[in-house]
Amino acid sequence: MLGAAAARPGAELWLVWGDGASGYGLAEFDSFVRHRIPVIAVVGNDAGWTQIAREQVKMFGDAVGTELARTAYHEVARGFGADGIEIRSDAEVAAGLARAREIAAAGRPVLVNVWLEKTAFREGSISM
């Protein structure tokens, strides 16, 4: 995101993560705050490595390592000095994303933690 911000000053920057993947890069919010990178990060939080689990359970009969908690990623971002928004229902999506855009337009990074239900999205894809 730092490179994207440098290459496209003034552009609206979006980062879309699953909850599992966000755990690997969440500390970048420290850099976003320090360098005033107004990224809008959206975490799809279904409390699992669902894309991995889908095939893993079929192939091996076990979901080990793919089950996560409903982590408060928005609070982690706040801990780094960014803003955080939690969305728990479809009815909150439009207002939550509009608020995130306002925060970013004001020059601040923001993380939007969106609670999702498990779905059959990408059924049949293999990601192991």
Foldseek 3Di string as FASTA:
>chain_A
DVVVCVVDPPDAAEAEEEPVVCVVPLVCLLVCAVVLQAHEYEYAYQQWPQLAQLVCCVVPVDSPPTGGDLDQSQVVSVVSVAGEAEAEDPVCVVVRVVVSVVRSNVRGYYYYYYYDHDDCVPPPDHDD
